[in-house]
Amino acid sequence: MKQQAQSEFLSTSKKSVRPFFRKRKKRARLPRLKLYGKKAGEEEICKEFALLFVGESVHHSGPLSKTEIAKKMEIDRKTVRKYLNIAADKYGFLKKENGKIINPYLYLFHKFTKRHKITSDKLVAEWLEDLLTRKAGEPIVKWKSRLSDLTRVCNTCEITPSQLLFSQRRTEKIMKKYAVLYKQGKHSRDMRGSASGSSSGIYHTVQAVRDFCGYYGITWRRGVGGIMSQRIVNHGKYADIRFSEDELEKADSFIKERWGLDSDVYRWFWIGIESCARFEALYSMNLDYTKHVSQKTGSTTYIMTAYESKTKQIRGGKWYKYITRKDTQSSIDLARKRGLSFIHESNMDRRNFISYISRSLREIYRHLGRFGDYFYNKPTHVLRHVGAHYWLAKKSYNYGLVAEIGGWHTIDELKKSYGQIPPEKILEIIES
């Protein structure tokens, strides 16, 4: 009996003790990785993954998502997540909220304003340096507008610039969202404002975003469709804009009665047509000229100079302009007698002058019965279109000559976008 009781005790005690001697399962070790071809320890790997996640790594510009880190390091996403958790829990390289890793640099949006400039973002600051030195140490012409467009996208979509650098797909989603808000007039506006709903506005904004992303290695192939397309919007759609001789005479009489011969409006309208100059070239055009008298006809031509920033790469943007109308020449001489240096009054600041001259040109177009959107949205640029047909009609559609007179560096651009031959002229050639 005694032996039986001892054996029963031993058997029960073994059962109760046995669980304490079970072998614990070994924790799965993280795979040892190589960082950029070199062996690295756990801390070094965690630090590099954390830097990639927040966009601080020297090996990549801009932040990467977990999936993108996995692709870059050629490992699975689960391993990346484990290393990032260790980076936060053990080494303090990252912070957590509610058990999730956060990236305050990436996700906390603060609206960009005059006080909080977008150039305070280091990614934008580096990109800006490139814009200001891209052309052999000189800035590109549109660096201000590109910076403004990028600011507008960030403020409208409430994102930081780094969020545009995740991937092509994510950037496209952001730009689609921006396009919808822009069409609805809900986009953020800078001090200059911008017309809501115009396709050209989205086109130039996409151009700025593509430039920013391209600097950091995210590019779109040439000819790509969709929101990131850089095909020129409405290219050639307004090549037929022109005024008849009767309309030009009617406009001339209206301007003289409304503003007078010696007025900004008169000079802007007619010099704009005869020079075919863009806004900036007109605005900076001075009243200096060389007087030429033809030996054949005795007619007088004022040869003036305009500088087109858009064609700065050709002859420094310098183009000669030929003013042949006597009334326009008289208006120029009257302005010179009053001591003016430019074709417009100098006592009005740029912003007020743009508003004034645009409003005046729209009034002229309404008087002529021209109510199209293009006449309202591009009042000064309409003069370049009218000027193309004005000279083409005078010079029997000699595109080569008119391209030189009007400042087009290619004949094709003049033909496609400005100088479509009117039907009556084609019939005249056919019937001759």
Protein backbone atom coordinates (compact mmCIF):
# COMPACT_ATOMS: atom_id res chain seq x y z
CA MET A 1 0.00 0.00 0.00
CA LYS A 2 2.80 2.34 0.89
CA GLN A 3 4.60 1.71 -2.42
CA GLN A 4 1.37 2.18 -4.36
CA ALA A 5 0.71 5.55 -2.68
CA GLN A 6 4.26 6.74 -3.46
CA SER A 7 3.93 5.82 -7.13
CA GLU A 8 0.58 7.65 -7.39
CA PHE A 9 2.11 10.78 -5.80
CA LEU A 10 5.07 10.75 -8.17
CA SER A 11 2.84 10.40 -11.23
CA THR A 12 0.63 13.36 -10.22
CA SER A 13 3.60 15.54 -9.30
CA LYS A 14 5.25 14.83 -12.66
CA LYS A 15 2.10 15.96 -14.49
CA SER A 16 1.99 19.21 -12.53
CA VAL A 17 5.67 19.93 -12.95
CA ARG A 18 5.92 18.94 -16.62
CA PRO A 19 4.54 22.23 -18.07
CA PHE A 20 7.31 24.20 -16.37
CA PHE A 21 9.96 22.19 -18.18
CA ARG A 22 8.45 22.56 -21.66
CA LYS A 23 10.75 24.22 -24.13
CA ARG A 24 9.62 27.66 -25.18
CA LYS A 25 9.28 28.32 -28.86
CA LYS A 26 12.21 30.24 -30.24
CA ARG A 27 11.39 33.70 -31.54
CA ALA A 28 11.91 33.89 -35.29
CA ARG A 29 15.00 35.90 -36.04
CA LEU A 30 14.84 38.67 -38.57
CA PRO A 31 16.80 37.88 -41.70
CA ARG A 32 20.21 39.47 -41.84
CA LEU A 33 20.23 41.92 -44.68
CA LYS A 34 22.82 43.73 -46.69
CA LEU A 35 22.50 47.49 -47.04
CA TYR A 36 23.50 48.56 -50.52
CA GLY A 37 25.77 45.54 -50.92
CA LYS A 38 27.42 45.76 -47.47
CA LYS A 39 26.82 43.76 -44.29
CA ALA A 40 24.94 45.67 -41.61
CA GLY A 41 23.75 45.13 -38.05
CA GLU A 42 20.22 45.42 -36.73
CA GLU A 43 20.60 49.01 -35.51
CA GLU A 44 22.12 50.17 -38.78
CA ILE A 45 19.33 48.52 -40.80
CA CYS A 46 16.62 50.00 -38.56
CA LYS A 47 18.15 53.46 -38.83
CA GLU A 48 18.34 53.34 -42.65
CA PHE A 49 14.76 52.05 -42.94
CA ALA A 50 13.56 54.83 -40.65
CA LEU A 51 15.42 57.44 -42.71
CA LEU A 52 13.91 56.08 -45.92
CA PHE A 53 10.47 56.21 -44.33
CA VAL A 54 10.73 59.88 -43.31
CA GLY A 55 12.61 61.00 -46.42
CA GLU A 56 15.95 61.74 -44.74
CA SER A 57 18.09 59.05 -46.38
CA VAL A 58 21.06 60.09 -48.53
CA HIS A 59 20.24 57.14 -50.79
CA HIS A 60 16.82 58.44 -51.87
CA SER A 61 15.17 61.86 -52.14
CA GLY A 62 11.76 62.06 -50.53
CA PRO A 63 9.93 59.64 -48.22
CA LEU A 64 9.08 56.05 -49.14
CA SER A 65 6.13 53.93 -48.08
CA LYS A 66 6.65 50.46 -46.62
CA THR A 67 5.86 48.88 -49.96
CA GLU A 68 8.34 51.12 -51.74
CA ILE A 69 11.07 50.38 -49.17
CA ALA A 70 10.42 46.67 -49.73
CA LYS A 71 10.82 47.10 -53.48
CA LYS A 72 13.97 49.18 -53.09
CA MET A 73 15.62 46.69 -50.70
CA GLU A 74 14.23 43.64 -52.56
CA ILE A 75 12.61 42.11 -49.49
CA ASP A 76 9.04 41.40 -48.39
CA ARG A 77 6.83 44.04 -46.81
CA LYS A 78 6.47 42.07 -43.58
CA THR A 79 10.21 42.28 -42.93
CA VAL A 80 10.15 46.03 -43.50
CA ARG A 81 7.31 46.42 -41.02
CA LYS A 82 9.21 44.43 -38.38
CA TYR A 83 12.36 46.50 -38.76
CA LEU A 84 10.37 49.73 -38.57
CA ASN A 85 8.67 48.55 -35.37
CA ILE A 86 12.06 47.72 -33.85
CA ALA A 87 13.31 51.14 -35.00
CA ALA A 88 10.47 52.74 -33.04
CA ASP A 89 10.29 50.45 -29.97
CA LYS A 90 13.95 49.65 -29.35
CA TYR A 91 15.98 52.48 -30.82
CA GLY A 92 13.52 55.41 -30.83
CA PHE A 93 14.20 56.36 -34.47
CA LEU A 94 10.45 56.67 -35.10
CA LYS A 95 7.39 57.58 -33.05
CA LYS A 96 4.15 55.70 -32.54
CA GLU A 97 0.59 56.78 -31.87
CA ASN A 98 -2.04 54.22 -30.93
CA GLY A 99 0.40 51.47 -31.80
CA LYS A 100 1.01 52.78 -35.31
CA ILE A 101 4.19 54.33 -36.66
CA ILE A 102 3.71 57.97 -37.62
CA ASN A 103 5.68 60.32 -39.81
CA PRO A 104 4.94 63.90 -38.72
CA TYR A 105 7.18 65.36 -41.43
CA LEU A 106 5.09 63.65 -44.08
CA TYR A 107 1.51 63.86 -42.87
CA LEU A 108 1.15 67.07 -40.83
CA PHE A 109 0.02 69.70 -43.31
CA HIS A 110 0.40 73.41 -42.67
CA LYS A 111 -0.87 75.86 -45.26
CA PHE A 112 1.86 77.67 -47.12
CA THR A 113 1.60 81.45 -46.78
CA LYS A 114 3.85 84.50 -46.90
CA ARG A 115 5.01 83.71 -43.37
CA HIS A 116 5.18 79.96 -43.86
CA LYS A 117 6.75 79.86 -47.32
CA ILE A 118 6.87 76.69 -49.37
CA THR A 119 10.62 77.24 -49.77
CA SER A 120 11.00 76.38 -46.08
CA ASP A 121 10.50 72.78 -47.21
CA LYS A 122 13.98 71.42 -47.96
CA LEU A 123 12.81 69.44 -51.01
CA VAL A 124 11.33 72.57 -52.58
CA ALA A 125 14.35 74.66 -51.62
CA GLU A 126 16.67 72.26 -53.46
CA TRP A 127 14.38 72.22 -56.50
CA LEU A 128 14.27 76.03 -56.49
CA GLU A 129 18.06 76.18 -56.61
CA ASP A 130 17.90 74.09 -59.77
CA LEU A 131 15.24 76.36 -61.33
CA LEU A 132 17.38 79.42 -60.63
CA THR A 133 20.53 77.96 -62.20
CA ARG A 134 19.19 75.54 -64.83
CA LYS A 135 20.14 77.53 -67.94
CA ALA A 136 23.94 77.75 -67.67
CA GLY A 137 23.69 79.45 -64.29
CA GLU A 138 20.66 81.54 -65.24
CA PRO A 139 17.06 80.98 -64.03
CA ILE A 140 14.32 79.65 -66.26
CA VAL A 141 11.77 82.28 -67.28
CA LYS A 142 8.80 80.74 -65.45
CA TRP A 143 10.44 79.82 -62.14
CA LYS A 144 8.10 82.08 -60.14
CA SER A 145 4.94 80.70 -61.71
CA ARG A 146 6.11 77.10 -61.23
CA LEU A 147 6.78 77.74 -57.55
CA SER A 148 3.36 79.39 -57.26
CA ASP A 149 1.64 76.47 -59.04
CA LEU A 150 3.27 73.92 -56.74
CA THR A 151 2.14 75.96 -53.71
CA ARG A 152 -1.41 76.02 -55.07
CA VAL A 153 -1.50 72.22 -55.49
CA CYS A 154 -0.23 71.64 -51.93
CA ASN A 155 -2.67 74.11 -50.37
CA THR A 156 -5.64 72.91 -52.42
CA CYS A 157 -5.10 69.19 -51.74
CA GLU A 158 -3.71 69.82 -48.22
CA ILE A 159 -0.51 67.87 -48.77
CA THR A 160 3.17 68.43 -48.20
CA PRO A 161 5.48 68.54 -51.25
CA SER A 162 7.02 65.21 -50.22
CA GLN A 163 3.69 63.46 -50.79
CA LEU A 164 4.07 64.16 -54.50
CA LEU A 165 7.22 62.04 -54.51
CA PHE A 166 5.82 58.68 -53.36
CA SER A 167 5.09 57.27 -56.80
CA GLN A 168 3.63 58.13 -60.19
CA ARG A 169 0.27 56.61 -59.29
CA ARG A 170 -0.09 58.61 -56.08
CA THR A 171 0.94 61.85 -57.79
CA GLU A 172 -1.65 61.25 -60.51
CA LYS A 173 -4.36 60.72 -57.85
CA ILE A 174 -3.41 64.01 -56.20
CA MET A 175 -3.52 65.87 -59.51
CA LYS A 176 -6.92 64.36 -60.40
CA LYS A 177 -8.25 65.61 -57.07
CA TYR A 178 -6.75 69.04 -57.77
CA ALA A 179 -8.31 69.13 -61.27
CA VAL A 180 -11.79 68.40 -59.85
CA LEU A 181 -11.46 71.13 -57.19
CA TYR A 182 -10.05 73.54 -59.78
CA LYS A 183 -12.99 72.98 -62.13
CA GLN A 184 -15.36 73.65 -59.23
CA GLY A 185 -13.52 76.85 -58.31
CA LYS A 186 -12.54 75.40 -54.92
CA HIS A 187 -8.80 75.59 -55.47
CA SER A 188 -6.49 77.69 -53.33
CA ARG A 189 -5.62 81.03 -54.90
CA ASP A 190 -2.47 83.09 -54.64
CA MET A 191 -2.48 86.88 -54.66
CA ARG A 192 -2.77 87.02 -58.45
CA GLY A 193 -5.71 84.62 -58.47
CA SER A 194 -6.41 82.39 -61.44
CA ALA A 195 -9.33 81.70 -63.70
CA SER A 196 -11.42 78.76 -62.56
CA GLY A 197 -12.21 75.95 -64.92
CA SER A 198 -9.75 76.80 -67.70
CA SER A 199 -7.81 73.87 -69.13
CA SER A 200 -4.70 75.99 -69.58
CA GLY A 201 -4.57 76.58 -65.81
CA ILE A 202 -4.42 72.84 -65.13
CA TYR A 203 -1.91 72.39 -67.97
CA HIS A 204 0.61 74.82 -66.44
CA THR A 205 0.08 73.42 -62.94
CA VAL A 206 0.78 69.89 -64.16
CA GLN A 207 3.89 71.26 -65.86
CA ALA A 208 5.15 72.58 -62.50
CA VAL A 209 4.41 69.29 -60.68
CA ARG A 210 6.12 67.27 -63.42
CA ASP A 211 9.16 69.52 -63.14
CA PHE A 212 9.30 69.07 -59.35
CA CYS A 213 8.88 65.30 -59.53
CA GLY A 214 11.30 65.01 -62.44
CA TYR A 215 14.04 66.67 -60.40
CA TYR A 216 13.71 63.83 -57.89
CA GLY A 217 13.63 61.09 -60.50
CA ILE A 218 9.88 60.55 -60.93
CA THR A 219 9.16 61.07 -64.62
CA TRP A 220 6.43 60.42 -67.17
CA ARG A 221 7.25 59.29 -70.68
CA ARG A 222 6.78 61.67 -73.55
CA GLY A 223 3.31 61.57 -75.09
CA VAL A 224 1.65 60.04 -72.01
CA GLY A 225 -2.10 60.62 -71.76
CA GLY A 226 -4.30 61.36 -68.78
CA ILE A 227 -3.94 64.07 -66.14
CA MET A 228 -0.13 64.23 -66.48
CA SER A 229 -0.24 64.82 -70.23
CA GLN A 230 1.72 67.78 -71.56
CA ARG A 231 0.02 67.99 -74.91
CA ILE A 232 -0.72 71.63 -75.63
CA VAL A 233 -4.34 72.35 -74.81
CA ASN A 234 -6.46 73.66 -77.70
CA HIS A 235 -3.39 73.77 -79.93
CA GLY A 236 -4.39 75.49 -83.19
CA LYS A 237 -7.99 75.98 -82.08
CA TYR A 238 -7.78 79.77 -82.45
CA ALA A 239 -5.65 79.95 -85.61
CA ASP A 240 -8.56 81.58 -87.46
CA ILE A 241 -9.01 84.61 -85.18
CA ARG A 242 -8.77 87.73 -87.33
CA PHE A 243 -10.41 91.10 -87.92
CA SER A 244 -11.59 92.27 -91.29
CA GLU A 245 -10.52 95.68 -92.64
CA ASP A 246 -13.94 97.07 -91.74
CA GLU A 247 -13.61 95.79 -88.15
CA LEU A 248 -10.14 97.33 -87.82
CA GLU A 249 -11.45 100.70 -89.06
CA LYS A 250 -14.41 100.47 -86.68
CA ALA A 251 -12.08 99.66 -83.77
CA ASP A 252 -9.77 102.55 -84.72
CA SER A 253 -12.64 105.06 -84.71
CA PHE A 254 -14.02 103.72 -81.42
CA ILE A 255 -10.66 103.97 -79.63
CA LYS A 256 -10.07 107.54 -80.86
CA GLU A 257 -13.51 108.63 -79.65
CA ARG A 258 -13.32 106.76 -76.34
CA TRP A 259 -9.69 107.26 -75.29
CA GLY A 260 -8.01 109.46 -77.92
CA LEU A 261 -5.05 109.09 -80.25
CA ASP A 262 -2.48 109.84 -77.53
CA SER A 263 -3.60 107.09 -75.17
CA ASP A 264 -2.29 103.82 -73.76
CA VAL A 265 -5.20 101.95 -75.30
CA TYR A 266 -4.55 103.26 -78.82
CA ARG A 267 -0.82 102.44 -78.71
CA TRP A 268 -1.36 99.08 -77.02
CA PHE A 269 -3.98 98.02 -79.57
CA TRP A 270 -2.15 99.01 -82.74
CA ILE A 271 1.44 98.33 -81.67
CA GLY A 272 0.15 95.01 -80.35
CA ILE A 273 -1.25 94.16 -83.80
CA GLU A 274 1.69 95.43 -85.89
CA SER A 275 4.36 93.98 -83.59
CA CYS A 276 2.51 90.72 -82.79
CA ALA A 277 4.33 90.94 -79.44
CA ARG A 278 3.30 89.04 -76.33
CA PHE A 279 2.24 90.86 -73.18
CA GLU A 280 5.64 91.02 -71.46
CA ALA A 281 7.35 92.24 -74.63
CA LEU A 282 4.71 94.95 -75.09
CA TYR A 283 4.85 95.99 -71.46
CA SER A 284 8.62 96.47 -71.58
CA MET A 285 8.75 98.02 -75.08
CA ASN A 286 10.24 101.51 -75.04
CA LEU A 287 9.46 104.32 -77.48
CA ASP A 288 12.87 104.41 -79.15
CA TYR A 289 12.80 103.76 -82.88
CA THR A 290 14.80 104.04 -86.07
CA LYS A 291 13.01 105.95 -88.82
CA HIS A 292 13.17 104.38 -92.29
CA VAL A 293 11.86 106.07 -95.45
CA SER A 294 11.40 103.84 -98.49
CA GLN A 295 13.12 105.03 -101.66
CA LYS A 296 10.55 103.19 -103.79
CA THR A 297 7.28 104.33 -102.22
CA GLY A 298 8.31 107.15 -99.89
CA SER A 299 6.43 105.50 -97.00
CA THR A 300 7.80 105.77 -93.47
CA THR A 301 8.38 102.85 -91.11
CA TYR A 302 9.36 103.03 -87.44
CA ILE A 303 11.68 100.14 -86.56
CA MET A 304 11.31 99.37 -82.86
CA THR A 305 12.73 96.65 -80.61
CA ALA A 306 10.93 94.12 -78.41
CA TYR A 307 12.35 91.44 -76.15
CA GLU A 308 10.43 88.17 -75.98
CA SER A 309 11.36 86.18 -72.86
CA LYS A 310 9.73 83.07 -74.32
CA THR A 311 12.30 83.00 -77.15
CA LYS A 312 15.24 84.14 -75.05
CA GLN A 313 17.33 81.27 -76.43
CA ILE A 314 17.12 82.82 -79.92
CA ARG A 315 19.10 86.04 -80.35
CA GLY A 316 18.56 86.77 -76.67
CA GLY A 317 14.85 87.22 -77.35
CA LYS A 318 15.44 90.39 -79.39
CA TRP A 319 13.06 91.04 -82.31
CA TYR A 320 12.69 94.05 -84.59
CA LYS A 321 9.15 95.39 -84.96
CA TYR A 322 7.88 97.39 -87.91
CA ILE A 323 5.27 100.10 -87.28
CA THR A 324 3.85 101.30 -90.61
CA ARG A 325 0.53 103.02 -89.78
CA LYS A 326 0.75 106.82 -89.74
CA ASP A 327 -1.70 107.26 -86.84
CA THR A 328 0.24 104.77 -84.72
CA GLN A 329 3.46 106.64 -85.50
CA SER A 330 1.77 109.91 -84.50
CA SER A 331 0.65 108.37 -81.20
CA ILE A 332 4.23 107.26 -80.49
CA ASP A 333 5.59 110.75 -81.23
CA LEU A 334 2.98 112.40 -78.99
CA ALA A 335 3.97 110.10 -76.12
CA ARG A 336 7.65 110.90 -76.65
CA LYS A 337 6.90 114.64 -76.55
CA ARG A 338 5.23 114.13 -73.15
CA GLY A 339 8.41 112.48 -71.89
CA LEU A 340 7.16 108.89 -71.77
CA SER A 341 9.77 106.13 -71.97
CA PHE A 342 7.44 103.21 -72.71
CA ILE A 343 4.39 102.74 -74.90
CA HIS A 344 2.19 102.99 -71.79
CA GLU A 345 1.91 105.47 -68.91
CA SER A 346 4.51 104.93 -66.18
CA ASN A 347 2.41 106.32 -63.31
CA MET A 348 0.34 103.11 -63.03
CA ASP A 349 1.66 100.00 -61.32
CA ARG A 350 1.76 96.72 -63.23
CA ARG A 351 -1.23 95.09 -61.56
CA ASN A 352 -3.53 98.06 -62.09
CA PHE A 353 -2.33 98.48 -65.66
CA ILE A 354 -3.10 94.83 -66.52
CA SER A 355 -6.60 95.27 -65.14
CA TYR A 356 -7.08 98.57 -66.98
CA ILE A 357 -5.81 97.46 -70.40
CA SER A 358 -7.66 94.13 -70.26
CA ARG A 359 -10.92 95.86 -69.39
CA SER A 360 -10.42 98.38 -72.23
CA LEU A 361 -9.66 95.69 -74.83
CA ARG A 362 -12.76 93.71 -73.82
CA GLU A 363 -14.81 96.86 -74.33
CA ILE A 364 -13.40 97.18 -77.86
CA TYR A 365 -14.17 93.54 -78.64
CA ARG A 366 -17.74 93.92 -77.40
CA HIS A 367 -18.12 96.97 -79.63
CA LEU A 368 -17.06 94.79 -82.58
CA GLY A 369 -19.51 92.05 -81.56
CA ARG A 370 -16.81 89.63 -80.42
CA PHE A 371 -18.03 87.87 -77.26
CA GLY A 372 -16.07 84.58 -77.27
CA ASP A 373 -14.31 83.25 -74.18
CA TYR A 374 -10.90 83.69 -75.78
CA PHE A 375 -11.50 87.43 -76.25
CA TYR A 376 -12.45 87.69 -72.58
CA ASN A 377 -9.74 85.46 -71.10
CA LYS A 378 -6.82 86.45 -73.38
CA PRO A 379 -7.52 90.07 -74.41
CA THR A 380 -3.90 91.03 -75.14
CA HIS A 381 -2.93 87.73 -76.77
CA VAL A 382 -5.83 88.16 -79.21
CA LEU A 383 -3.81 91.03 -80.74
CA ARG A 384 -1.03 88.59 -81.63
CA HIS A 385 -3.54 86.43 -83.52
CA VAL A 386 -5.05 89.46 -85.27
CA GLY A 387 -1.57 90.74 -86.09
CA ALA A 388 -0.61 87.44 -87.74
CA HIS A 389 -3.52 87.71 -90.18
CA TYR A 390 -2.97 91.46 -90.59
CA TRP A 391 0.55 90.86 -91.93
CA LEU A 392 -0.25 87.64 -93.80
CA ALA A 393 -2.98 89.43 -95.75
CA LYS A 394 -0.62 92.31 -96.56
CA LYS A 395 2.24 90.02 -97.65
CA SER A 396 0.25 87.43 -99.65
CA TYR A 397 0.61 84.79 -96.96
CA ASN A 398 4.40 84.77 -97.03
CA TYR A 399 4.78 82.77 -93.80
CA GLY A 400 8.56 83.04 -93.69
CA LEU A 401 8.53 86.84 -93.78
CA VAL A 402 5.63 87.19 -91.33
CA ALA A 403 7.31 84.76 -88.89
CA GLU A 404 10.28 87.15 -88.80
CA ILE A 405 8.10 90.26 -88.48
CA GLY A 406 5.90 88.82 -85.73
CA GLY A 407 8.52 86.94 -83.72
CA TRP A 408 7.70 83.28 -84.43
CA HIS A 409 10.83 81.16 -84.39
CA THR A 410 9.23 78.47 -86.60
CA ILE A 411 6.94 78.81 -89.60
CA ASP A 412 5.01 75.70 -88.47
CA GLU A 413 3.98 77.39 -85.21
CA LEU A 414 2.72 80.42 -87.12
CA LYS A 415 0.71 78.20 -89.50
CA LYS A 416 -0.77 75.83 -86.91
CA SER A 417 -1.62 78.24 -84.09
CA TYR A 418 -2.07 81.70 -85.62
CA GLY A 419 -2.26 81.91 -89.40
CA GLN A 420 -4.86 79.58 -90.82
CA ILE A 421 -5.56 80.63 -94.41
CA PRO A 422 -9.19 81.84 -94.61
CA PRO A 423 -11.57 80.03 -97.01
CA GLU A 424 -12.02 83.06 -99.29
CA LYS A 425 -8.26 83.28 -99.81
CA ILE A 426 -8.07 79.58 -100.71
CA LEU A 427 -10.94 80.02 -103.20
CA GLU A 428 -9.18 83.05 -104.68
CA ILE A 429 -6.03 80.97 -105.28
CA ILE A 430 -8.01 78.04 -106.67
CA GLU A 431 -9.93 80.25 -109.09
CA SER A 432 -6.91 82.23 -110.28
